N, C-alpha and C. Protein backbone atom coordinates (compact mmCIF):
# COMPACT_ATOMS: atom_id res chain seq x y z
N UNK A 1 -1.02 5.75 15.24
CA UNK A 1 -1.79 5.29 13.93
C UNK A 1 -1.80 3.61 14.73
N UNK A 2 -3.25 3.04 14.36
CA UNK A 2 -3.70 1.85 14.77
C UNK A 2 -2.81 0.75 13.79
N UNK A 3 -2.45 -0.34 14.93
CA UNK A 3 -2.06 -1.44 13.88
C UNK A 3 -2.74 -2.28 12.87
N UNK A 4 -2.65 -2.64 11.70
CA UNK A 4 -3.21 -2.99 10.80
C UNK A 4 -3.48 -4.88 11.11
N UNK A 5 -4.55 -5.24 10.93
CA UNK A 5 -4.87 -6.72 10.80
C UNK A 5 -3.59 -7.38 10.01
N UNK A 6 -3.08 -8.59 10.29
CA UNK A 6 -3.04 -9.47 8.93
C UNK A 6 -3.84 -9.86 7.91
N UNK A 7 -3.32 -9.70 6.75
CA UNK A 7 -4.10 -9.74 5.53
C UNK A 7 -5.18 -10.98 5.72
N UNK A 8 -6.01 -10.61 5.36
CA UNK A 8 -7.35 -11.85 5.52
C UNK A 8 -7.19 -12.83 3.99
N UNK A 9 -8.14 -13.61 3.78
CA UNK A 9 -8.10 -14.44 2.52
C UNK A 9 -8.93 -13.72 1.25
N UNK A 10 -9.51 -12.57 1.48
CA UNK A 10 -9.77 -11.77 0.58
C UNK A 10 -8.51 -10.96 0.12
N UNK A 11 -7.80 -10.27 1.18
CA UNK A 11 -6.82 -9.49 0.85
C UNK A 11 -5.67 -10.29 -0.01
N UNK A 12 -5.31 -11.21 0.79
CA UNK A 12 -4.29 -12.42 0.16
C UNK A 12 -4.62 -12.71 -1.18
N UNK A 13 -6.07 -12.92 -1.66
CA UNK A 13 -6.31 -13.28 -3.29
C UNK A 13 -5.84 -11.88 -3.91
N UNK A 14 -6.77 -10.65 -3.76
CA UNK A 14 -5.98 -8.95 -4.21
C UNK A 14 -4.67 -9.50 -4.15
N UNK A 15 -3.68 -9.54 -3.31
CA UNK A 15 -2.51 -9.17 -3.49
C UNK A 15 -1.60 -10.19 -4.26
N UNK A 16 -2.19 -11.65 -4.46
CA UNK A 16 -1.70 -12.69 -5.41
C UNK A 16 -2.38 -11.98 -6.92
N UNK A 17 -3.56 -11.79 -6.87
CA UNK A 17 -4.33 -10.86 -8.36
C UNK A 17 -3.01 -9.89 -8.67
N UNK A 18 -2.83 -9.10 -7.96
CA UNK A 18 -2.08 -7.99 -8.10
C UNK A 18 -0.34 -8.76 -8.42
N UNK A 19 0.14 -9.34 -8.01
CA UNK A 19 1.25 -9.87 -8.56
C UNK A 19 1.01 -10.63 -9.75
N UNK A 20 -0.07 -11.39 -10.19
CA UNK A 20 -0.19 -11.97 -11.67
C UNK A 20 -0.41 -10.49 -12.73
N UNK A 21 -1.16 -9.53 -12.10
CA UNK A 21 -1.12 -8.24 -13.15
C UNK A 21 0.47 -7.78 -13.32
N UNK A 22 1.12 -7.42 -12.37
CA UNK A 22 2.47 -7.56 -13.00
C UNK A 22 3.75 -8.39 -13.75
N UNK A 23 3.00 -9.54 -13.14
CA UNK A 23 3.97 -10.76 -13.95
C UNK A 23 3.43 -10.62 -15.23
N UNK A 24 2.40 -10.44 -15.56
CA UNK A 24 1.76 -10.27 -17.26
C UNK A 24 2.39 -8.93 -17.62
N UNK A 25 2.40 -7.61 -16.88
CA UNK A 25 2.90 -6.84 -17.49
C UNK A 25 4.21 -6.51 -17.82
N UNK A 26 5.25 -7.44 -16.52
CA UNK A 26 6.40 -7.53 -17.18
C UNK A 26 6.62 -8.46 -18.27
N UNK A 27 5.86 -9.55 -18.47
CA UNK A 27 6.20 -10.33 -19.63
C UNK A 27 5.82 -9.38 -20.88
N UNK A 28 4.82 -8.58 -20.93
CA UNK A 28 4.49 -8.13 -22.24
C UNK A 28 5.72 -6.46 -22.13
N UNK A 29 6.11 -5.87 -21.40
CA UNK A 29 7.26 -5.04 -21.35
C UNK A 29 8.23 -5.14 -21.32
N UNK A 30 8.91 -6.90 -21.34
CA UNK A 30 10.24 -7.37 -21.09
C UNK A 30 11.07 -6.37 -20.10
N UNK A 31 10.21 -6.24 -18.80
CA UNK A 31 10.78 -5.65 -17.87
C UNK A 31 11.57 -6.67 -16.95
N UNK A 32 12.60 -6.36 -16.00
CA UNK A 32 13.13 -7.20 -15.19
C UNK A 32 11.93 -7.92 -14.49
N UNK A 33 12.23 -8.80 -13.75
CA UNK A 33 11.47 -9.67 -12.96
C UNK A 33 11.53 -9.48 -11.44
N UNK A 34 10.63 -10.04 -10.60
CA UNK A 34 10.84 -9.21 -9.54
C UNK A 34 11.76 -9.92 -8.36
N UNK A 35 11.82 -11.24 -8.93
CA UNK A 35 13.09 -12.25 -8.41
C UNK A 35 14.10 -11.73 -8.81
N UNK A 36 14.77 -10.86 -9.96
CA UNK A 36 16.06 -10.16 -10.08
C UNK A 36 16.44 -9.01 -9.80
N UNK A 37 14.97 -8.40 -9.73
CA UNK A 37 15.27 -7.07 -9.08
C UNK A 37 14.90 -6.44 -7.21
N UNK A 38 14.34 -7.16 -7.16
CA UNK A 38 13.81 -7.52 -5.69
C UNK A 38 13.61 -5.94 -4.97
N UNK A 39 14.02 -5.88 -3.71
CA UNK A 39 13.99 -4.44 -2.97
C UNK A 39 15.26 -4.30 -3.40
N UNK A 40 16.13 -4.42 -3.58
CA UNK A 40 17.70 -4.23 -3.50
C UNK A 40 17.39 -3.12 -5.22
N UNK A 41 16.50 -3.44 -5.92
CA UNK A 41 16.31 -2.63 -7.25
C UNK A 41 15.62 -1.13 -6.83
N UNK A 42 14.95 -1.41 -5.71
CA UNK A 42 13.93 -0.40 -5.35
C UNK A 42 14.62 0.36 -4.42
N UNK A 43 15.61 -0.24 -3.30
CA UNK A 43 16.36 0.65 -2.45
C UNK A 43 17.80 1.12 -3.01
N UNK A 44 17.63 2.40 -3.80
CA UNK A 44 19.11 2.85 -3.98
C UNK A 44 18.84 4.31 -3.94
N UNK A 45 20.02 4.99 -4.15
CA UNK A 45 20.14 6.45 -3.97
C UNK A 45 19.81 7.35 -3.10
N UNK A 46 20.75 8.61 -2.96
CA UNK A 46 20.33 9.29 -1.75
C UNK A 46 18.63 9.61 -1.98
N UNK A 47 18.53 10.60 -0.75
CA UNK A 47 16.79 10.90 -0.50
C UNK A 47 16.76 11.71 -1.83
N UNK A 48 17.38 12.12 -2.48
CA UNK A 48 16.50 13.08 -3.68
C UNK A 48 17.67 13.25 -4.73
N UNK A 49 17.94 13.01 -5.64
CA UNK A 49 18.94 13.16 -6.74
C UNK A 49 18.13 13.38 -8.05
N UNK A 50 19.18 13.87 -9.00
CA UNK A 50 18.55 13.76 -10.21
C UNK A 50 19.48 13.00 -11.31
N UNK A 51 19.08 12.47 -12.03
CA UNK A 51 19.77 12.08 -12.94
C UNK A 51 20.53 12.65 -13.93
N UNK A 52 19.90 14.04 -14.39
CA UNK A 52 20.45 14.89 -15.18
C UNK A 52 21.04 16.05 -14.60
N UNK A 53 20.71 17.11 -15.60
CA UNK A 53 21.26 18.42 -14.67
C UNK A 53 20.50 19.44 -13.85
N UNK A 54 19.34 18.47 -13.27
CA UNK A 54 18.56 19.55 -12.49
C UNK A 54 17.22 19.97 -13.29
N UNK A 55 17.50 20.75 -14.08
CA UNK A 55 16.58 21.79 -15.08
C UNK A 55 16.04 21.28 -15.92
N UNK A 56 16.73 20.39 -17.08
CA UNK A 56 15.86 20.03 -17.99
C UNK A 56 15.92 18.44 -18.14
N UNK A 57 16.67 17.84 -17.21
CA UNK A 57 16.42 16.40 -17.09
C UNK A 57 15.18 15.68 -16.30
N UNK A 58 14.93 14.51 -15.95
CA UNK A 58 13.81 14.21 -15.29
C UNK A 58 14.25 13.90 -14.04
N UNK A 59 13.32 14.50 -13.43
CA UNK A 59 13.06 14.18 -11.50
C UNK A 59 13.31 12.61 -11.16
N UNK A 60 14.46 12.12 -10.55
CA UNK A 60 14.56 11.09 -10.04
C UNK A 60 15.20 11.37 -8.35
N UNK A 61 14.32 10.85 -7.38
CA UNK A 61 14.62 10.84 -6.41
C UNK A 61 14.00 9.52 -5.39
N UNK A 62 14.51 9.41 -4.30
CA UNK A 62 13.91 8.37 -3.30
C UNK A 62 13.54 9.02 -2.06
N UNK A 63 12.74 8.06 -1.57
CA UNK A 63 12.43 8.75 -0.18
C UNK A 63 12.24 7.04 0.77
N UNK A 64 12.14 7.45 1.98
CA UNK A 64 11.66 6.40 2.88
C UNK A 64 10.64 5.87 2.89
N UNK A 65 10.07 4.54 2.97
CA UNK A 65 8.94 4.25 2.93
C UNK A 65 8.52 4.54 4.52
N UNK A 66 7.52 4.77 4.33
CA UNK A 66 6.98 5.02 5.77
C UNK A 66 5.36 4.82 5.85
N UNK A 67 4.32 4.65 7.56
CA UNK A 67 2.89 4.19 7.35
C UNK A 67 2.43 5.54 6.84
N UNK A 68 1.17 5.50 6.65
CA UNK A 68 0.04 6.26 6.56
C UNK A 68 -1.00 6.40 7.52
N UNK A 69 -2.11 7.00 6.91
CA UNK A 69 -3.12 7.31 8.28
C UNK A 69 -4.30 6.31 7.88
N UNK A 70 -4.22 5.62 7.06
CA UNK A 70 -4.78 4.69 6.70
C UNK A 70 -5.98 4.91 5.81
N UNK A 71 -6.32 6.24 5.21
CA UNK A 71 -7.44 6.95 4.64
C UNK A 71 -7.33 6.69 3.36
N UNK A 72 -6.36 6.50 2.72
CA UNK A 72 -6.38 6.32 1.15
C UNK A 72 -7.00 5.28 0.71
N UNK A 73 -7.06 4.07 1.23
CA UNK A 73 -8.16 3.15 0.95
C UNK A 73 -9.62 3.68 0.58
N UNK A 74 -9.87 4.20 1.56
CA UNK A 74 -11.46 4.17 1.23
C UNK A 74 -11.55 5.51 -0.11
N UNK A 75 -10.53 6.56 0.40
CA UNK A 75 -10.57 7.59 -0.98
C UNK A 75 -10.45 6.63 -2.36
N UNK A 76 -9.51 5.81 -2.49
CA UNK A 76 -8.93 5.26 -3.93
C UNK A 76 -10.49 4.23 -4.18
N UNK A 77 -11.43 4.06 -3.37
CA UNK A 77 -12.48 2.99 -3.56
C UNK A 77 -13.94 3.87 -4.30
N UNK A 78 -13.76 5.36 -4.20
CA UNK A 78 -14.36 6.12 -4.66
C UNK A 78 -14.70 5.86 -5.73
N UNK A 79 -15.92 5.66 -6.78
CA UNK A 79 -15.68 5.81 -8.25
C UNK A 79 -15.16 6.57 -9.17
N UNK A 80 -15.68 8.11 -8.69
CA UNK A 80 -15.07 8.92 -9.49
C UNK A 80 -13.39 9.14 -9.26
N UNK A 81 -13.08 8.51 -8.17
CA UNK A 81 -11.40 8.60 -8.20
C UNK A 81 -11.06 7.57 -8.97
N UNK A 82 -11.32 6.46 -8.85
CA UNK A 82 -11.32 5.19 -9.69
C UNK A 82 -10.83 5.69 -11.03
N UNK A 83 -12.20 6.22 -11.59
CA UNK A 83 -12.26 6.28 -13.00
C UNK A 83 -11.65 7.67 -13.54
N UNK A 84 -11.23 8.35 -12.46
CA UNK A 84 -10.31 9.61 -13.00
C UNK A 84 -8.75 8.85 -13.04
N UNK A 85 -8.37 8.38 -12.23
CA UNK A 85 -7.31 7.65 -11.93
C UNK A 85 -6.83 6.83 -13.39
N UNK A 86 -8.20 6.04 -14.10
CA UNK A 86 -7.97 4.87 -14.58
C UNK A 86 -8.03 5.94 -15.97
N UNK A 87 -8.74 6.92 -16.45
CA UNK A 87 -8.55 7.70 -17.30
C UNK A 87 -7.28 8.75 -17.50
N UNK A 88 -6.65 9.15 -16.36
CA UNK A 88 -5.37 9.64 -16.35
C UNK A 88 -4.26 8.92 -16.54
N UNK A 89 -4.17 7.45 -16.00
CA UNK A 89 -3.08 6.81 -16.14
C UNK A 89 -2.84 5.74 -16.45
N UNK A 90 -4.44 5.15 -16.95
CA UNK A 90 -4.41 3.82 -17.70
C UNK A 90 -4.52 2.93 -16.61
N UNK A 91 -4.71 2.87 -15.49
CA UNK A 91 -4.58 1.77 -14.83
C UNK A 91 -5.82 2.02 -13.31
N UNK A 92 -6.36 0.83 -12.88
CA UNK A 92 -7.23 0.80 -11.67
C UNK A 92 -6.38 1.03 -10.54
N UNK A 93 -6.84 2.07 -9.37
CA UNK A 93 -5.61 1.85 -8.50
C UNK A 93 -6.22 0.84 -7.52
N UNK A 94 -4.77 0.59 -7.03
CA UNK A 94 -4.97 -0.53 -5.90
C UNK A 94 -5.63 0.44 -4.79
N UNK A 95 -6.43 -0.02 -3.77
CA UNK A 95 -6.91 0.72 -2.64
C UNK A 95 -6.28 0.81 -1.45
N UNK A 96 -5.31 2.09 -1.69
CA UNK A 96 -4.32 2.26 -0.68
C UNK A 96 -3.27 2.92 -1.64
N UNK A 97 -2.04 4.09 -0.52
CA UNK A 97 -1.34 4.66 -1.27
C UNK A 97 0.14 3.94 -0.23
N UNK A 98 1.08 3.98 -1.02
CA UNK A 98 2.60 3.87 -0.25
C UNK A 98 3.04 5.30 -0.43
N UNK A 99 3.40 5.35 1.23
CA UNK A 99 3.76 6.63 1.62
C UNK A 99 5.35 6.68 1.70
N UNK A 100 6.14 7.82 1.35
CA UNK A 100 7.74 7.75 1.40
C UNK A 100 7.58 9.44 2.02
N UNK A 101 8.74 9.33 3.17
CA UNK A 101 9.22 10.76 3.83
C UNK A 101 10.19 10.85 2.95
N UNK A 102 9.92 12.09 2.28
CA UNK A 102 10.96 12.65 1.68
C UNK A 102 11.65 13.75 2.13
N UNK A 103 13.49 14.25 1.99
CA UNK A 103 14.28 15.21 2.84
C UNK A 103 14.91 15.62 2.27
N UNK A 104 15.30 16.63 2.38
CA UNK A 104 16.41 17.29 1.71
C UNK A 104 16.31 18.44 0.71
N UNK A 105 17.46 19.11 0.68
CA UNK A 105 17.44 20.40 -0.56
C UNK A 105 16.89 19.56 -1.63
N UNK A 106 17.50 18.83 -2.35
CA UNK A 106 17.08 18.34 -3.74
C UNK A 106 15.54 18.02 -3.79
N UNK A 107 14.98 17.41 -2.93
CA UNK A 107 13.67 16.82 -2.31
C UNK A 107 12.86 18.46 -2.89
N UNK A 108 13.12 19.43 -2.05
CA UNK A 108 12.48 20.83 -2.08
C UNK A 108 12.71 21.30 -3.07
N UNK A 109 13.67 21.23 -3.97
CA UNK A 109 14.19 21.77 -5.33
C UNK A 109 13.47 21.19 -6.26
N UNK A 110 12.92 19.80 -6.57
CA UNK A 110 12.20 18.93 -6.94
C UNK A 110 10.68 19.27 -6.88
N UNK A 111 10.30 19.42 -5.77
CA UNK A 111 8.91 19.44 -5.30
C UNK A 111 8.43 20.87 -5.68
N UNK A 112 9.52 21.54 -5.35
CA UNK A 112 8.68 22.94 -6.01
C UNK A 112 8.89 23.00 -7.67
N UNK A 113 9.70 22.40 -8.34
CA UNK A 113 9.36 22.25 -9.75
C UNK A 113 8.26 21.82 -10.07
N UNK A 114 7.86 20.53 -9.48
CA UNK A 114 6.76 19.96 -9.84
C UNK A 114 5.35 20.83 -9.62
N UNK A 115 5.40 21.41 -8.23
CA UNK A 115 4.16 22.27 -8.12
C UNK A 115 4.01 23.48 -9.19
N UNK A 116 5.44 23.67 -10.11
CA UNK A 116 5.39 24.94 -10.56
C UNK A 116 4.29 24.53 -12.30
N UNK A 117 4.93 22.96 -12.31
CA UNK A 117 4.56 22.51 -13.85
C UNK A 117 3.25 21.92 -13.64
N UNK A 118 2.59 22.25 -15.05
CA UNK A 118 1.41 21.75 -15.27
C UNK A 118 1.13 20.28 -14.89
N UNK A 119 0.19 19.69 -13.68
CA UNK A 119 -0.20 18.55 -13.76
C UNK A 119 -1.43 17.81 -13.87
N UNK A 120 -1.67 16.55 -13.72
CA UNK A 120 -3.12 16.29 -14.25
C UNK A 120 -3.71 16.17 -12.78
N UNK A 121 -4.80 17.34 -13.01
CA UNK A 121 -5.72 17.55 -12.00
C UNK A 121 -6.88 16.37 -11.79
N UNK A 122 -7.12 15.42 -10.61
CA UNK A 122 -7.99 14.87 -10.23
C UNK A 122 -9.62 15.92 -9.70
N UNK A 123 -10.42 16.25 -10.91
CA UNK A 123 -11.65 16.93 -10.17
C UNK A 123 -12.22 16.08 -9.37
N UNK A 124 -12.57 17.14 -8.33
CA UNK A 124 -13.30 16.28 -7.39
C UNK A 124 -14.86 16.33 -7.49
N UNK A 125 -15.38 15.34 -6.74
CA UNK A 125 -16.79 15.34 -6.65
C UNK A 125 -17.23 16.42 -5.53
N UNK A 126 -17.84 17.11 -5.33
CA UNK A 126 -18.62 18.13 -4.51
C UNK A 126 -18.25 17.47 -2.58
N UNK A 127 -17.82 18.31 -2.21
CA UNK A 127 -17.29 18.35 -0.37
C UNK A 127 -15.73 17.56 -0.44
N UNK A 128 -15.17 17.33 -1.72
CA UNK A 128 -13.80 17.10 -1.56
C UNK A 128 -12.91 17.64 -2.48
N UNK A 129 -11.62 17.64 -2.10
CA UNK A 129 -10.58 18.64 -2.74
C UNK A 129 -9.67 17.78 -3.83
N UNK A 130 -9.34 18.50 -4.45
CA UNK A 130 -8.80 18.47 -5.78
C UNK A 130 -7.20 17.82 -5.87
N UNK A 131 -6.55 17.04 -6.42
CA UNK A 131 -5.22 16.57 -6.35
C UNK A 131 -4.43 16.61 -7.53
N UNK A 132 -3.05 17.21 -7.25
CA UNK A 132 -2.32 17.29 -8.24
C UNK A 132 -1.42 15.90 -8.33
N UNK A 133 -1.50 15.31 -9.92
CA UNK A 133 -0.96 14.25 -10.01
C UNK A 133 -0.13 14.08 -10.96
N UNK A 134 1.02 13.11 -10.87
CA UNK A 134 2.22 13.15 -11.85
C UNK A 134 2.39 11.49 -12.14
N UNK A 135 2.43 11.22 -13.39
CA UNK A 135 3.12 9.95 -13.74
C UNK A 135 4.41 9.67 -13.07
N UNK A 136 5.09 8.34 -12.88
CA UNK A 136 6.07 8.33 -12.46
C UNK A 136 6.08 6.78 -12.46
N UNK A 137 7.57 6.13 -12.62
CA UNK A 137 7.85 4.89 -12.54
C UNK A 137 8.63 4.78 -11.35
N UNK A 138 8.40 3.41 -10.84
CA UNK A 138 9.27 2.87 -9.34
C UNK A 138 9.63 1.86 -9.62
N UNK A 139 11.15 2.22 -9.00
CA UNK A 139 11.97 1.00 -8.83
C UNK A 139 12.55 0.64 -10.42
N UNK A 140 12.38 1.51 -11.49
CA UNK A 140 12.67 1.28 -12.84
C UNK A 140 11.89 0.08 -13.70
N UNK A 141 10.70 0.08 -13.04
CA UNK A 141 9.90 -1.03 -13.63
C UNK A 141 8.69 -0.63 -13.27
N UNK A 142 7.81 -0.14 -12.61
CA UNK A 142 6.31 -0.05 -12.32
C UNK A 142 5.69 1.30 -12.32
N UNK A 143 4.78 1.63 -13.07
CA UNK A 143 4.12 2.77 -13.57
C UNK A 143 3.29 2.77 -12.27
N UNK A 144 3.10 4.30 -11.89
CA UNK A 144 2.59 4.40 -10.95
C UNK A 144 2.14 6.22 -10.97
N UNK A 145 1.60 6.56 -9.96
CA UNK A 145 1.46 8.09 -10.22
C UNK A 145 1.41 8.45 -8.88
N UNK A 146 2.18 9.78 -8.28
CA UNK A 146 2.39 10.52 -7.25
C UNK A 146 1.23 11.57 -7.21
N UNK A 147 0.40 11.61 -6.01
CA UNK A 147 -0.31 12.58 -5.65
C UNK A 147 -0.15 13.53 -4.51
N UNK A 148 -0.51 14.87 -4.97
CA UNK A 148 -0.46 15.92 -3.73
C UNK A 148 -1.75 16.40 -3.74
N UNK A 149 -2.64 15.82 -2.58
CA UNK A 149 -3.89 16.31 -2.28
C UNK A 149 -3.92 18.08 -2.14
N UNK A 150 -4.77 18.53 -2.52
CA UNK A 150 -4.59 19.98 -2.24
C UNK A 150 -5.68 20.07 -0.77
N UNK A 151 -4.86 20.20 0.32
CA UNK A 151 -5.39 20.35 1.32
C UNK A 151 -4.47 21.30 2.31
N UNK A 152 -5.00 22.45 2.48
CA UNK A 152 -4.24 22.93 3.63
C UNK A 152 -3.28 22.22 4.89
N UNK A 153 -2.10 22.60 5.02
CA UNK A 153 -1.10 21.85 6.08
C UNK A 153 -0.82 20.64 5.36
N UNK A 154 -0.80 19.95 4.14
CA UNK A 154 -0.68 18.84 3.63
C UNK A 154 0.94 18.85 4.18
N UNK A 155 1.60 17.92 4.73
CA UNK A 155 2.98 18.04 5.08
C UNK A 155 3.88 17.76 3.56
N UNK A 156 4.95 18.55 3.61
CA UNK A 156 5.52 18.63 2.30
C UNK A 156 6.73 17.60 2.46
N UNK A 157 7.27 16.83 3.61
CA UNK A 157 7.89 15.83 3.13
C UNK A 157 7.40 14.42 2.97
N UNK A 158 5.71 14.46 2.58
CA UNK A 158 4.90 13.21 2.71
C UNK A 158 5.03 13.19 1.15
N UNK A 159 5.05 11.95 0.65
CA UNK A 159 4.60 11.74 -1.15
C UNK A 159 4.01 10.55 -1.16
N UNK A 160 2.60 10.40 -1.75
CA UNK A 160 1.82 9.77 -1.84
C UNK A 160 1.73 9.13 -3.25
N UNK A 161 1.91 7.33 -3.37
CA UNK A 161 2.51 6.61 -4.71
C UNK A 161 0.84 5.53 -4.57
N UNK A 162 0.03 5.82 -5.63
CA UNK A 162 -0.84 5.25 -6.23
C UNK A 162 -0.36 4.36 -7.11
N UNK A 163 -0.75 3.10 -7.40
CA UNK A 163 -0.35 2.04 -8.18
C UNK A 163 -1.45 1.27 -8.53
N UNK A 164 -1.48 0.11 -9.85
CA UNK A 164 -2.23 -0.66 -10.16
C UNK A 164 -2.28 -1.95 -9.08
N UNK A 165 -1.20 -1.87 -7.95
CA UNK A 165 -1.10 -3.28 -7.19
C UNK A 165 -0.26 -2.75 -5.84
N UNK A 166 -0.59 -3.48 -5.03
CA UNK A 166 0.15 -3.78 -3.82
C UNK A 166 1.58 -3.61 -3.71
N UNK A 167 2.09 -2.19 -3.52
CA UNK A 167 3.47 -1.91 -3.67
C UNK A 167 4.33 -2.60 -2.77
N UNK A 168 3.79 -2.56 -1.44
CA UNK A 168 4.73 -3.03 -0.30
C UNK A 168 5.12 -4.45 -0.88
N UNK A 169 3.91 -5.52 -0.89
CA UNK A 169 4.06 -6.72 -1.37
C UNK A 169 5.17 -6.85 -2.53
N UNK A 170 4.67 -6.14 -4.02
CA UNK A 170 5.18 -6.48 -4.89
C UNK A 170 6.66 -6.32 -4.85
N UNK A 171 7.13 -4.96 -4.04
CA UNK A 171 8.69 -5.07 -4.15
C UNK A 171 9.26 -5.16 -2.84
N UNK A 172 8.43 -6.37 -2.07
CA UNK A 172 9.22 -6.52 -0.47
C UNK A 172 9.66 -5.11 -0.03
N UNK A 173 8.60 -4.48 0.36
CA UNK A 173 9.09 -2.92 1.00
C UNK A 173 8.49 -2.99 2.65
N UNK A 174 9.59 -2.49 3.08
CA UNK A 174 9.19 -2.40 4.60
C UNK A 174 9.33 -1.15 5.26
N UNK A 175 8.81 -0.71 6.16
CA UNK A 175 9.05 0.78 6.59
C UNK A 175 10.57 0.92 6.85
N UNK A 176 11.22 2.30 6.49
CA UNK A 176 12.72 2.85 6.72
C UNK A 176 13.18 2.28 5.10
N UNK A 177 12.67 1.50 3.92
CA UNK A 177 13.46 1.04 2.98
C UNK A 177 13.10 1.95 1.98
N UNK A 178 14.48 2.71 1.19
CA UNK A 178 14.39 3.24 0.07
C UNK A 178 13.81 2.92 -1.07
N UNK A 179 12.84 3.66 -1.50
CA UNK A 179 12.46 3.67 -2.94
C UNK A 179 12.86 4.59 -4.15
N UNK A 180 13.35 4.26 -5.16
CA UNK A 180 13.22 5.17 -6.27
C UNK A 180 12.35 5.34 -7.03
N UNK A 181 12.08 6.84 -7.54
CA UNK A 181 10.98 7.37 -8.15
C UNK A 181 11.35 8.39 -9.14
N UNK A 182 10.81 8.07 -10.64
CA UNK A 182 11.30 8.80 -11.65
C UNK A 182 9.84 9.28 -11.94
N UNK A 183 9.54 10.70 -12.24
CA UNK A 183 8.67 11.40 -12.97
C UNK A 183 8.88 11.14 -14.16
N UNK A 184 8.00 10.82 -14.67
CA UNK A 184 7.84 10.56 -16.50
C UNK A 184 8.08 11.96 -17.09
N UNK A 185 8.97 12.04 -18.34
CA UNK A 185 9.62 13.03 -18.82
C UNK A 185 8.28 13.97 -19.30
N UNK A 186 7.34 13.58 -19.55
CA UNK A 186 6.21 14.79 -19.90
C UNK A 186 6.00 15.50 -18.97
N UNK A 187 6.05 14.82 -17.48
CA UNK A 187 5.52 15.73 -16.17
C UNK A 187 6.87 16.51 -15.60
N UNK A 188 8.04 15.94 -16.13
CA UNK A 188 9.33 16.54 -15.18
C UNK A 188 10.11 17.68 -16.26
N UNK A 189 9.47 17.56 -17.36
CA UNK A 189 10.18 18.57 -18.28
C UNK A 189 9.90 20.22 -17.86
């Protein structure tokens, strides 16, 4: 994977605007501040675990932050994708995903359960693949979506997260950090 250049002035402005959006969201919803939560709140738990009994409870798991191949930014900039995310999840997606490496038997069980559950399907334009999506909450404070592209050979240990802001910056994440993901009850039941 090629190295990514340091953010330019435009990207830095977008990151700052995304942080302001999160601040407004936190204030409106009385969520913990980033300073109080930080990466410590994002990094917790085993690679995949559940807060309830594993059958009726919410899916709660965590994975390790890792790099991607750099294709999501272009995909999330396409009008029909942006509009589909806005309609389905109520937010304008940041042009890129946060990738997690998932592992373990608990993750395989939760993944199989998610794949068997009705998902939000982003209907593609001709020439593109559909994707199964689920609403999630990250680090107990950021609403986002997980996306499973319907692509042959898509890695079972990869989890892509779409959010309205740059997650690495907002949660102070680096490769190897652990991030907690909770599937929203409607999708996990």
